[in-house]
């Protein structure tokens, strides 16, 4: 799986898979992925952190816990 690295401020929509450096959020720290670069699939109701092979890592997390801000127009801005 080859995905380009995301920069803060980039915009995305549901269904896109992007590579992000996961933030030091409470959930990411608990799952021991904080600070790691991981692919993330943006779903309708949350962000699915993926393994390198594209399989799901654990359960979907909120957009904020994965480093995204949801906009009114249903785009998602990576804030890191």
PDB file of N, CA and C in Angstrom:
ATOM      1  N   UNK A   1       0.849  -1.174   0.000  1.00  0.00           N
ATOM      2  CA  UNK A   1       0.000   0.000   0.000  1.00  0.00           C
ATOM      3  C   UNK A   1       0.893   1.235   0.000  1.00  0.00           C
ATOM      4  N   UNK A   2       0.804   2.049  -1.054  1.00  0.00           N
ATOM      5  CA  UNK A   2       1.587   3.273  -1.141  1.00  0.00           C
ATOM      6  C   UNK A   2       0.655   4.469  -1.035  1.00  0.00           C
ATOM      7  N   UNK A   3       0.875   5.288  -0.023  1.00  0.00           N
ATOM      8  CA  UNK A   3       0.039   6.462   0.216  1.00  0.00           C
ATOM      9  C   UNK A   3       0.979   7.617   0.524  1.00  0.00           C
ATOM     10  N   UNK A   4       0.727   8.784  -0.061  1.00  0.00           N
ATOM     11  CA  UNK A   4       1.600   9.927   0.202  1.00  0.00           C
ATOM     12  C   UNK A   4       1.313  10.516   1.580  1.00  0.00           C
ATOM     13  N   UNK A   5       2.341  11.136   2.146  1.00  0.00           N
ATOM     14  CA  UNK A   5       2.255  11.714   3.486  1.00  0.00           C
ATOM     15  C   UNK A   5       1.376  12.963   3.472  1.00  0.00           C
ATOM     16  N   UNK A   6       0.561  13.109   4.494  1.00  0.00           N
ATOM     17  CA  UNK A   6      -0.354  14.232   4.648  1.00  0.00           C
ATOM     18  C   UNK A   6       0.329  15.375   5.387  1.00  0.00           C
ATOM     19  N   UNK A   7      -0.020  16.612   4.999  1.00  0.00           N
ATOM     20  CA  UNK A   7       0.491  17.799   5.677  1.00  0.00           C
ATOM     21  C   UNK A   7      -0.650  18.482   6.429  1.00  0.00           C
ATOM     22  N   UNK A   8      -0.365  19.150   7.550  1.00  0.00           N
ATOM     23  CA  UNK A   8      -1.423  19.895   8.232  1.00  0.00           C
ATOM     24  C   UNK A   8      -2.071  20.894   7.274  1.00  0.00           C
ATOM     25  N   UNK A   9      -3.387  20.937   7.286  1.00  0.00           N
ATOM     26  CA  UNK A   9      -4.144  21.828   6.421  1.00  0.00           C
ATOM     27  C   UNK A   9      -4.736  21.134   5.207  1.00  0.00           C
ATOM     28  N   UNK A  10      -4.238  19.943   4.846  1.00  0.00           N
ATOM     29  CA  UNK A  10      -4.775  19.203   3.703  1.00  0.00           C
ATOM     30  C   UNK A  10      -6.228  18.813   3.971  1.00  0.00           C
ATOM     31  N   UNK A  11      -7.058  18.838   2.913  1.00  0.00           N
ATOM     32  CA  UNK A  11      -8.481  18.492   3.015  1.00  0.00           C
ATOM     33  C   UNK A  11      -8.767  17.154   2.349  1.00  0.00           C
ATOM     34  N   UNK A  12      -9.693  16.389   2.951  1.00  0.00           N
ATOM     35  CA  UNK A  12     -10.045  15.061   2.454  1.00  0.00           C
ATOM     36  C   UNK A  12     -11.540  14.837   2.591  1.00  0.00           C
ATOM     37  N   UNK A  13     -12.038  13.775   1.940  1.00  0.00           N
ATOM     38  CA  UNK A  13     -13.455  13.421   2.025  1.00  0.00           C
ATOM     39  C   UNK A  13     -13.590  11.967   2.474  1.00  0.00           C
ATOM     40  N   UNK A  14     -14.816  11.594   2.838  1.00  0.00           N
ATOM     41  CA  UNK A  14     -15.108  10.224   3.260  1.00  0.00           C
ATOM     42  C   UNK A  14     -14.695   9.260   2.145  1.00  0.00           C
ATOM     43  N   UNK A  15     -14.067   8.160   2.537  1.00  0.00           N
ATOM     44  CA  UNK A  15     -13.636   7.144   1.587  1.00  0.00           C
ATOM     45  C   UNK A  15     -12.171   7.234   1.213  1.00  0.00           C
ATOM     46  N   UNK A  16     -11.526   8.350   1.521  1.00  0.00           N
ATOM     47  CA  UNK A  16     -10.106   8.493   1.201  1.00  0.00           C
ATOM     48  C   UNK A  16      -9.253   7.826   2.275  1.00  0.00           C
ATOM     49  N   UNK A  17      -8.148   7.246   1.830  1.00  0.00           N
ATOM     50  CA  UNK A  17      -7.157   6.692   2.744  1.00  0.00           C
ATOM     51  C   UNK A  17      -5.919   7.569   2.646  1.00  0.00           C
ATOM     52  N   UNK A  18      -5.459   8.072   3.790  1.00  0.00           N
ATOM     53  CA  UNK A  18      -4.326   8.992   3.824  1.00  0.00           C
ATOM     54  C   UNK A  18      -3.333   8.554   4.895  1.00  0.00           C
ATOM     55  N   UNK A  19      -2.072   8.905   4.683  1.00  0.00           N
ATOM     56  CA  UNK A  19      -1.034   8.603   5.672  1.00  0.00           C
ATOM     57  C   UNK A  19      -0.869   9.812   6.583  1.00  0.00           C
ATOM     58  N   UNK A  20      -0.942   9.577   7.882  1.00  0.00           N
ATOM     59  CA  UNK A  20      -0.805  10.672   8.846  1.00  0.00           C
ATOM     60  C   UNK A  20       0.121  10.248   9.989  1.00  0.00           C
ATOM     61  N   UNK A  21       0.724  11.258  10.610  1.00  0.00           N
ATOM     62  CA  UNK A  21       1.418  10.998  11.873  1.00  0.00           C
ATOM     63  C   UNK A  21       0.347  11.138  12.937  1.00  0.00           C
ATOM     64  N   UNK A  22       0.043  10.035  13.597  1.00  0.00           N
ATOM     65  CA  UNK A  22      -1.029  10.048  14.591  1.00  0.00           C
ATOM     66  C   UNK A  22      -0.655  10.927  15.776  1.00  0.00           C
ATOM     67  N   UNK A  23      -1.611  11.718  16.250  1.00  0.00           N
ATOM     68  CA  UNK A  23      -1.335  12.652  17.345  1.00  0.00           C
ATOM     69  C   UNK A  23      -1.185  11.939  18.687  1.00  0.00           C
ATOM     70  N   UNK A  24      -0.726  12.683  19.659  1.00  0.00           N
ATOM     71  CA  UNK A  24      -0.581  12.152  21.022  1.00  0.00           C
ATOM     72  C   UNK A  24      -1.899  12.336  21.764  1.00  0.00           C
ATOM     73  N   UNK A  25      -2.978  11.861  21.146  1.00  0.00           N
ATOM     74  CA  UNK A  25      -4.303  11.916  21.773  1.00  0.00           C
ATOM     75  C   UNK A  25      -4.409  10.768  22.778  1.00  0.00           C
ATOM     76  N   UNK A  26      -5.378  10.880  23.662  1.00  0.00           N
ATOM     77  CA  UNK A  26      -5.557   9.860  24.696  1.00  0.00           C
ATOM     78  C   UNK A  26      -5.772   8.467  24.098  1.00  0.00           C
ATOM     79  N   UNK A  27      -6.612   8.396  23.067  1.00  0.00           N
ATOM     80  CA  UNK A  27      -6.908   7.107  22.441  1.00  0.00           C
ATOM     81  C   UNK A  27      -5.669   6.542  21.742  1.00  0.00           C
ATOM     82  N   UNK A  28      -4.956   7.374  20.969  1.00  0.00           N
ATOM     83  CA  UNK A  28      -3.758   6.893  20.266  1.00  0.00           C
ATOM     84  C   UNK A  28      -2.679   6.451  21.257  1.00  0.00           C
ATOM     85  N   UNK A  29      -2.551   7.164  22.375  1.00  0.00           N
ATOM     86  CA  UNK A  29      -1.581   6.735  23.387  1.00  0.00           C
ATOM     87  C   UNK A  29      -1.991   5.399  23.985  1.00  0.00           C
ATOM     88  N   UNK A  30      -3.276   5.229  24.254  1.00  0.00           N
ATOM     89  CA  UNK A  30      -3.756   3.972  24.823  1.00  0.00           C
ATOM     90  C   UNK A  30      -3.502   2.804  23.864  1.00  0.00           C
ATOM     91  N   UNK A  31      -3.698   3.041  22.563  1.00  0.00           N
ATOM     92  CA  UNK A  31      -3.492   1.988  21.570  1.00  0.00           C
ATOM     93  C   UNK A  31      -2.015   1.848  21.162  1.00  0.00           C
ATOM     94  N   UNK A  32      -1.179   2.699  21.724  1.00  0.00           N
ATOM     95  CA  UNK A  32       0.274   2.683  21.482  1.00  0.00           C
ATOM     96  C   UNK A  32       0.648   2.917  20.027  1.00  0.00           C
ATOM     97  N   UNK A  33      -0.079   3.846  19.389  1.00  0.00           N
ATOM     98  CA  UNK A  33       0.251   4.240  18.021  1.00  0.00           C
ATOM     99  C   UNK A  33       0.536   5.740  17.915  1.00  0.00           C
ATOM    100  N   UNK A  34       0.493   6.459  19.030  1.00  0.00           N
ATOM    101  CA  UNK A  34       0.746   7.902  19.018  1.00  0.00           C
ATOM    102  C   UNK A  34       2.139   8.180  18.463  1.00  0.00           C
ATOM    103  N   UNK A  35       2.212   9.157  17.563  1.00  0.00           N
ATOM    104  CA  UNK A  35       3.485   9.541  16.964  1.00  0.00           C
ATOM    105  C   UNK A  35       3.887   8.697  15.766  1.00  0.00           C
ATOM    106  N   UNK A  36       3.188   7.594  15.512  1.00  0.00           N
ATOM    107  CA  UNK A  36       3.510   6.726  14.371  1.00  0.00           C
ATOM    108  C   UNK A  36       2.868   7.254  13.099  1.00  0.00           C
ATOM    109  N   UNK A  37       3.498   6.987  11.965  1.00  0.00           N
ATOM    110  CA  UNK A  37       2.898   7.291  10.669  1.00  0.00           C
ATOM    111  C   UNK A  37       2.118   6.058  10.254  1.00  0.00           C
ATOM    112  N   UNK A  38       0.811   6.243  10.062  1.00  0.00           N
ATOM    113  CA  UNK A  38      -0.078   5.131   9.740  1.00  0.00           C
ATOM    114  C   UNK A  38      -1.068   5.548   8.666  1.00  0.00           C
ATOM    115  N   UNK A  39      -1.518   4.607   7.826  1.00  0.00           N
ATOM    116  CA  UNK A  39      -2.632   4.910   6.922  1.00  0.00           C
ATOM    117  C   UNK A  39      -3.933   4.972   7.720  1.00  0.00           C
ATOM    118  N   UNK A  40      -4.786   5.918   7.347  1.00  0.00           N
ATOM    119  CA  UNK A  40      -6.077   6.096   8.007  1.00  0.00           C
ATOM    120  C   UNK A  40      -7.150   6.207   6.934  1.00  0.00           C
ATOM    121  N   UNK A  41      -8.211   5.411   7.061  1.00  0.00           N
ATOM    122  CA  UNK A  41      -9.363   5.463   6.163  1.00  0.00           C
ATOM    123  C   UNK A  41     -10.426   6.336   6.814  1.00  0.00           C
ATOM    124  N   UNK A  42     -10.838   7.392   6.105  1.00  0.00           N
ATOM    125  CA  UNK A  42     -11.890   8.265   6.621  1.00  0.00           C
ATOM    126  C   UNK A  42     -13.239   7.648   6.288  1.00  0.00           C
ATOM    127  N   UNK A  43     -13.976   7.277   7.328  1.00  0.00           N
ATOM    128  CA  UNK A  43     -15.284   6.641   7.164  1.00  0.00           C
ATOM    129  C   UNK A  43     -16.371   7.659   7.505  1.00  0.00           C
ATOM    130  N   UNK A  44     -17.620   7.264   7.291  1.00  0.00           N
ATOM    131  CA  UNK A  44     -18.751   8.158   7.531  1.00  0.00           C
ATOM    132  C   UNK A  44     -18.803   8.647   8.981  1.00  0.00           C
ATOM    133  N   UNK A  45     -18.501   7.770   9.941  1.00  0.00           N
ATOM    134  CA  UNK A  45     -18.653   8.127  11.356  1.00  0.00           C
ATOM    135  C   UNK A  45     -17.377   7.990  12.164  1.00  0.00           C
ATOM    136  N   UNK A  46     -16.237   8.068  11.514  1.00  0.00           N
ATOM    137  CA  UNK A  46     -14.978   7.990  12.250  1.00  0.00           C
ATOM    138  C   UNK A  46     -13.814   7.656  11.343  1.00  0.00           C
ATOM    139  N   UNK A  47     -12.648   7.561  11.934  1.00  0.00           N
ATOM    140  CA  UNK A  47     -11.415   7.289  11.202  1.00  0.00           C
ATOM    141  C   UNK A  47     -10.919   5.891  11.575  1.00  0.00           C
ATOM    142  N   UNK A  48     -10.674   5.070  10.557  1.00  0.00           N
ATOM    143  CA  UNK A  48     -10.187   3.711  10.775  1.00  0.00           C
ATOM    144  C   UNK A  48      -8.678   3.694  10.571  1.00  0.00           C
ATOM    145  N   UNK A  49      -7.932   3.477  11.639  1.00  0.00           N
ATOM    146  CA  UNK A  49      -6.480   3.331  11.539  1.00  0.00           C
ATOM    147  C   UNK A  49      -6.206   1.967  10.921  1.00  0.00           C
ATOM    148  N   UNK A  50      -5.289   1.933   9.961  1.00  0.00           N
ATOM    149  CA  UNK A  50      -4.993   0.698   9.244  1.00  0.00           C
ATOM    150  C   UNK A  50      -3.578   0.213   9.529  1.00  0.00           C
ATOM    151  N   UNK A  51      -3.383  -1.081   9.345  1.00  0.00           N
ATOM    152  CA  UNK A  51      -2.039  -1.661   9.363  1.00  0.00           C
ATOM    153  C   UNK A  51      -1.417  -1.417   7.989  1.00  0.00           C
ATOM    154  N   UNK A  52      -0.126  -1.652   7.865  1.00  0.00           N
ATOM    155  CA  UNK A  52       0.564  -1.442   6.585  1.00  0.00           C
ATOM    156  C   UNK A  52      -0.013  -2.296   5.462  1.00  0.00           C
ATOM    157  N   UNK A  53      -0.569  -3.456   5.783  1.00  0.00           N
ATOM    158  CA  UNK A  53      -1.134  -4.333   4.749  1.00  0.00           C
ATOM    159  C   UNK A  53      -2.568  -3.949   4.379  1.00  0.00           C
ATOM    160  N   UNK A  54      -3.096  -2.881   4.976  1.00  0.00           N
ATOM    161  CA  UNK A  54      -4.438  -2.412   4.670  1.00  0.00           C
ATOM    162  C   UNK A  54      -5.532  -2.971   5.558  1.00  0.00           C
ATOM    163  N   UNK A  55      -5.194  -3.909   6.443  1.00  0.00           N
ATOM    164  CA  UNK A  55      -6.193  -4.453   7.365  1.00  0.00           C
ATOM    165  C   UNK A  55      -6.464  -3.451   8.493  1.00  0.00           C
ATOM    166  N   UNK A  56      -7.637  -3.585   9.101  1.00  0.00           N
ATOM    167  CA  UNK A  56      -8.011  -2.686  10.196  1.00  0.00           C
ATOM    168  C   UNK A  56      -7.132  -2.895  11.413  1.00  0.00           C
ATOM    169  N   UNK A  57      -6.736  -1.783  12.040  1.00  0.00           N
ATOM    170  CA  UNK A  57      -6.046  -1.827  13.313  1.00  0.00           C
ATOM    171  C   UNK A  57      -7.074  -1.423  14.358  1.00  0.00           C
ATOM    172  N   UNK A  58      -7.475  -2.343  15.180  1.00  0.00           N
ATOM    173  CA  UNK A  58      -8.422  -2.075  16.252  1.00  0.00           C
ATOM    174  C   UNK A  58      -9.765  -1.588  15.704  1.00  0.00           C
ATOM    175  N   UNK A  59     -10.379  -0.647  16.388  1.00  0.00           N
ATOM    176  CA  UNK A  59     -11.705  -0.136  16.056  1.00  0.00           C
ATOM    177  C   UNK A  59     -11.582   1.289  15.507  1.00  0.00           C
ATOM    178  N   UNK A  60     -12.610   1.802  14.795  1.00  0.00           N
ATOM    179  CA  UNK A  60     -12.543   3.197  14.349  1.00  0.00           C
ATOM    180  C   UNK A  60     -12.505   4.153  15.538  1.00  0.00           C
ATOM    181  N   UNK A  61     -11.817   5.266  15.360  1.00  0.00           N
ATOM    182  CA  UNK A  61     -11.720   6.295  16.398  1.00  0.00           C
ATOM    183  C   UNK A  61     -12.393   7.559  15.871  1.00  0.00           C
ATOM    184  N   UNK A  62     -12.618   8.534  16.731  1.00  0.00           N
ATOM    185  CA  UNK A  62     -13.203   9.793  16.269  1.00  0.00           C
ATOM    186  C   UNK A  62     -12.208  10.504  15.364  1.00  0.00           C
ATOM    187  N   UNK A  63     -12.726  11.406  14.540  1.00  0.00           N
ATOM    188  CA  UNK A  63     -11.848  12.162  13.647  1.00  0.00           C
ATOM    189  C   UNK A  63     -10.823  12.958  14.449  1.00  0.00           C
ATOM    190  N   UNK A  64     -11.256  13.574  15.518  1.00  0.00           N
ATOM    191  CA  UNK A  64     -10.349  14.367  16.351  1.00  0.00           C
ATOM    192  C   UNK A  64      -9.232  13.542  16.954  1.00  0.00           C
ATOM    193  N   UNK A  65      -9.546  12.338  17.397  1.00  0.00           N
ATOM    194  CA  UNK A  65      -8.521  11.463  17.984  1.00  0.00           C
ATOM    195  C   UNK A  65      -7.475  11.052  16.953  1.00  0.00           C
ATOM    196  N   UNK A  66      -7.848  11.072  15.664  1.00  0.00           N
ATOM    197  CA  UNK A  66      -6.907  10.707  14.600  1.00  0.00           C
ATOM    198  C   UNK A  66      -6.205  11.932  14.003  1.00  0.00           C
ATOM    199  N   UNK A  67      -6.528  13.132  14.513  1.00  0.00           N
ATOM    200  CA  UNK A  67      -5.847  14.338  14.048  1.00  0.00           C
ATOM    201  C   UNK A  67      -6.574  15.110  12.964  1.00  0.00           C
ATOM    202  N   UNK A  68      -7.885  14.902  12.830  1.00  0.00           N
ATOM    203  CA  UNK A  68      -8.671  15.590  11.806  1.00  0.00           C
ATOM    204  C   UNK A  68      -9.742  16.467  12.431  1.00  0.00           C
ATOM    205  N   UNK A  69     -10.093  17.532  11.703  1.00  0.00           N
ATOM    206  CA  UNK A  69     -11.223  18.375  12.090  1.00  0.00           C
ATOM    207  C   UNK A  69     -12.285  18.203  11.017  1.00  0.00           C
ATOM    208  N   UNK A  70     -13.508  17.890  11.426  1.00  0.00           N
ATOM    209  CA  UNK A  70     -14.620  17.745  10.488  1.00  0.00           C
ATOM    210  C   UNK A  70     -15.192  19.122  10.187  1.00  0.00           C
ATOM    211  N   UNK A  71     -15.371  19.426   8.905  1.00  0.00           N
ATOM    212  CA  UNK A  71     -15.944  20.696   8.478  1.00  0.00           C
ATOM    213  C   UNK A  71     -17.423  20.522   8.166  1.00  0.00           C
ATOM    214  N   UNK A  72     -18.148  21.624   8.108  1.00  0.00           N
ATOM    215  CA  UNK A  72     -19.584  21.604   7.862  1.00  0.00           C
ATOM    216  C   UNK A  72     -19.906  20.951   6.512  1.00  0.00           C
ATOM    217  N   UNK A  73     -19.043  21.122   5.522  1.00  0.00           N
ATOM    218  CA  UNK A  73     -19.298  20.564   4.185  1.00  0.00           C
ATOM    219  C   UNK A  73     -18.871  19.092   4.058  1.00  0.00           C
ATOM    220  N   UNK A  74     -18.634  18.431   5.189  1.00  0.00           N
ATOM    221  CA  UNK A  74     -18.233  17.015   5.253  1.00  0.00           C
ATOM    222  C   UNK A  74     -16.860  16.754   4.644  1.00  0.00           C
ATOM    223  N   UNK A  75     -16.011  17.780   4.631  1.00  0.00           N
ATOM    224  CA  UNK A  75     -14.605  17.553   4.342  1.00  0.00           C
ATOM    225  C   UNK A  75     -13.889  17.455   5.675  1.00  0.00           C
ATOM    226  N   UNK A  76     -12.687  16.907   5.647  1.00  0.00           N
ATOM    227  CA  UNK A  76     -11.919  16.727   6.868  1.00  0.00           C
ATOM    228  C   UNK A  76     -10.546  17.327   6.674  1.00  0.00           C
ATOM    229  N   UNK A  77     -10.163  18.188   7.602  1.00  0.00           N
ATOM    230  CA  UNK A  77      -8.871  18.859   7.519  1.00  0.00           C
ATOM    231  C   UNK A  77      -7.915  18.193   8.496  1.00  0.00           C
ATOM    232  N   UNK A  78      -6.756  17.790   7.992  1.00  0.00           N
ATOM    233  CA  UNK A  78      -5.742  17.205   8.869  1.00  0.00           C
ATOM    234  C   UNK A  78      -5.102  18.332   9.667  1.00  0.00           C
ATOM    235  N   UNK A  79      -5.141  18.214  10.973  1.00  0.00           N
ATOM    236  CA  UNK A  79      -4.554  19.238  11.838  1.00  0.00           C
ATOM    237  C   UNK A  79      -3.356  18.711  12.613  1.00  0.00           C
ATOM    238  N   UNK A  80      -3.120  17.410  12.495  1.00  0.00           N
ATOM    239  CA  UNK A  80      -1.933  16.823  13.101  1.00  0.00           C
ATOM    240  C   UNK A  80      -1.987  16.563  14.550  1.00  0.00           C
TER     241      UNK A  80
END
